[in-house]
Amino acid sequence: MQVICLEDAAFYALVEKVVARLKDKNSVEKDKWIADEEAMQLLNIKSKTTLQKLRDEGKIRFSQPQKKIILYDRDSINSYLEKNAKNPF
């Protein structure tokens, strides 16, 4: 077994580089507008009818750039989930 000794400054510089690299690797920006399959996955629902009901009742935002294309706002889905979250006792 080998032991590597570093001075404090060198150790913290190494840790900062590792953290920066991990942030760069994992900071893939997610799309603001998502398709119905991903919206259903985020909401953990199986039915497109339920998704349409949420849309029709104004509970989640959507955009319809073309007649048969409906996109959902990821932020509104997350805020809908947060609004309906129950706190533990």
C-alpha atoms as a PDB file:
ATOM      1  CA  MET A   1       0.000   0.000   0.000  1.00  0.00           C
ATOM      2  CA  GLN A   2       1.302   3.425  -0.944  1.00  0.00           C
ATOM      3  CA  VAL A   3       0.664   6.544   1.064  1.00  0.00           C
ATOM      4  CA  ILE A   4       0.609   9.916  -0.667  1.00  0.00           C
ATOM      5  CA  CYS A   5       1.179  13.009   1.426  1.00  0.00           C
ATOM      6  CA  LEU A   6      -0.009  16.426   0.281  1.00  0.00           C
ATOM      7  CA  GLU A   7       0.182  19.828   1.826  1.00  0.00           C
ATOM      8  CA  ASP A   8      -3.134  21.374   2.801  1.00  0.00           C
ATOM      9  CA  ALA A   9      -3.133  23.856  -0.083  1.00  0.00           C
ATOM     10  CA  ALA A  10      -2.346  21.165  -2.662  1.00  0.00           C
ATOM     11  CA  PHE A  11      -5.025  18.841  -1.252  1.00  0.00           C
ATOM     12  CA  TYR A  12      -7.742  21.508  -1.349  1.00  0.00           C
ATOM     13  CA  ALA A  13      -6.711  22.583  -4.850  1.00  0.00           C
ATOM     14  CA  LEU A  14      -7.036  18.961  -5.974  1.00  0.00           C
ATOM     15  CA  VAL A  15     -10.462  18.643  -4.345  1.00  0.00           C
ATOM     16  CA  GLU A  16     -11.646  21.854  -6.044  1.00  0.00           C
ATOM     17  CA  LYS A  17     -10.501  20.552  -9.436  1.00  0.00           C
ATOM     18  CA  VAL A  18     -12.337  17.271  -8.904  1.00  0.00           C
ATOM     19  CA  VAL A  19     -15.522  19.062  -7.849  1.00  0.00           C
ATOM     20  CA  ALA A  20     -15.316  21.424 -10.840  1.00  0.00           C
ATOM     21  CA  ARG A  21     -14.850  18.510 -13.227  1.00  0.00           C
ATOM     22  CA  LEU A  22     -17.824  16.662 -11.730  1.00  0.00           C
ATOM     23  CA  LYS A  23     -20.000  19.761 -12.022  1.00  0.00           C
ATOM     24  CA  ASP A  24     -19.030  20.186 -15.675  1.00  0.00           C
ATOM     25  CA  LYS A  25     -19.746  16.539 -16.400  1.00  0.00           C
ATOM     26  CA  ASN A  26     -23.110  16.457 -14.611  1.00  0.00           C
ATOM     27  CA  SER A  27     -24.390  19.913 -15.505  1.00  0.00           C
ATOM     28  CA  VAL A  28     -26.087  18.895 -18.714  1.00  0.00           C
ATOM     29  CA  GLU A  29     -28.820  21.454 -19.029  1.00  0.00           C
ATOM     30  CA  LYS A  30     -32.242  19.890 -19.314  1.00  0.00           C
ATOM     31  CA  ASP A  31     -34.749  21.132 -21.860  1.00  0.00           C
ATOM     32  CA  LYS A  32     -37.404  23.517 -20.571  1.00  0.00           C
ATOM     33  CA  TRP A  33     -40.065  22.031 -22.861  1.00  0.00           C
ATOM     34  CA  ILE A  34     -40.528  18.264 -22.822  1.00  0.00           C
ATOM     35  CA  ALA A  35     -42.657  15.775 -24.743  1.00  0.00           C
ATOM     36  CA  ASP A  36     -45.614  13.931 -23.239  1.00  0.00           C
ATOM     37  CA  GLU A  37     -43.662  10.725 -22.541  1.00  0.00           C
ATOM     38  CA  GLU A  38     -41.132  12.514 -20.344  1.00  0.00           C
ATOM     39  CA  ALA A  39     -43.868  14.579 -18.673  1.00  0.00           C
ATOM     40  CA  MET A  40     -45.756  11.397 -17.826  1.00  0.00           C
ATOM     41  CA  GLN A  41     -42.570   9.868 -16.457  1.00  0.00           C
ATOM     42  CA  LEU A  42     -41.898  12.894 -14.230  1.00  0.00           C
ATOM     43  CA  LEU A  43     -45.475  12.834 -12.949  1.00  0.00           C
ATOM     44  CA  ASN A  44     -45.400   9.036 -12.582  1.00  0.00           C
ATOM     45  CA  ILE A  45     -48.610   8.608 -14.529  1.00  0.00           C
ATOM     46  CA  LYS A  46     -49.384   6.048 -17.219  1.00  0.00           C
ATOM     47  CA  SER A  47     -52.358   7.637 -18.962  1.00  0.00           C
ATOM     48  CA  LYS A  48     -52.300  10.389 -21.558  1.00  0.00           C
ATOM     49  CA  THR A  49     -55.851  11.164 -20.464  1.00  0.00           C
ATOM     50  CA  THR A  50     -54.603  12.094 -16.991  1.00  0.00           C
ATOM     51  CA  LEU A  51     -51.947  14.304 -18.565  1.00  0.00           C
ATOM     52  CA  GLN A  52     -54.614  15.992 -20.698  1.00  0.00           C
ATOM     53  CA  LYS A  53     -56.769  16.511 -17.601  1.00  0.00           C
ATOM     54  CA  LEU A  54     -53.898  18.263 -15.804  1.00  0.00           C
ATOM     55  CA  ARG A  55     -53.367  20.398 -18.899  1.00  0.00           C
ATOM     56  CA  ASP A  56     -57.072  21.237 -19.318  1.00  0.00           C
ATOM     57  CA  GLU A  57     -57.461  22.181 -15.647  1.00  0.00           C
ATOM     58  CA  GLY A  58     -54.498  24.562 -15.929  1.00  0.00           C
ATOM     59  CA  LYS A  59     -52.406  22.690 -13.395  1.00  0.00           C
ATOM     60  CA  ILE A  60     -49.388  22.407 -15.696  1.00  0.00           C
ATOM     61  CA  ARG A  61     -48.220  24.736 -18.451  1.00  0.00           C
ATOM     62  CA  PHE A  62     -47.983  23.585 -22.023  1.00  0.00           C
ATOM     63  CA  SER A  63     -47.196  24.892 -25.466  1.00  0.00           C
ATOM     64  CA  GLN A  64     -48.711  23.750 -28.731  1.00  0.00           C
ATOM     65  CA  PRO A  65     -46.395  24.869 -31.556  1.00  0.00           C
ATOM     66  CA  GLN A  66     -48.273  22.715 -34.067  1.00  0.00           C
ATOM     67  CA  LYS A  67     -51.683  21.055 -34.066  1.00  0.00           C
ATOM     68  CA  LYS A  68     -50.456  17.586 -33.034  1.00  0.00           C
ATOM     69  CA  ILE A  69     -47.397  18.643 -31.031  1.00  0.00           C
ATOM     70  CA  ILE A  70     -47.860  19.483 -27.361  1.00  0.00           C
ATOM     71  CA  LEU A  71     -44.883  20.259 -25.161  1.00  0.00           C
ATOM     72  CA  TYR A  72     -44.943  20.598 -21.383  1.00  0.00           C
ATOM     73  CA  ASP A  73     -43.047  23.025 -19.175  1.00  0.00           C
ATOM     74  CA  ARG A  74     -40.666  21.065 -16.931  1.00  0.00           C
ATOM     75  CA  ASP A  75     -40.674  23.845 -14.292  1.00  0.00           C
ATOM     76  CA  SER A  76     -44.468  23.869 -14.033  1.00  0.00           C
ATOM     77  CA  ILE A  77     -44.493  20.086 -13.571  1.00  0.00           C
ATOM     78  CA  ASN A  78     -41.915  20.381 -10.789  1.00  0.00           C
ATOM     79  CA  SER A  79     -43.861  23.195  -9.103  1.00  0.00           C
ATOM     80  CA  TYR A  80     -47.080  21.153  -9.403  1.00  0.00           C
ATOM     81  CA  LEU A  81     -45.353  18.250  -7.658  1.00  0.00           C
ATOM     82  CA  GLU A  82     -43.951  20.556  -4.955  1.00  0.00           C
ATOM     83  CA  LYS A  83     -47.352  22.172  -4.405  1.00  0.00           C
ATOM     84  CA  ASN A  84     -48.941  18.763  -3.853  1.00  0.00           C
ATOM     85  CA  ALA A  85     -46.143  17.385  -1.666  1.00  0.00           C
ATOM     86  CA  LYS A  86     -47.143  16.407   1.861  1.00  0.00           C
ATOM     87  CA  ASN A  87     -44.807  17.060   4.770  1.00  0.00           C
ATOM     88  CA  PRO A  88     -44.147  14.232   7.242  1.00  0.00           C
ATOM     89  CA  PHE A  89     -45.585  14.526  10.705  1.00  0.00           C
END
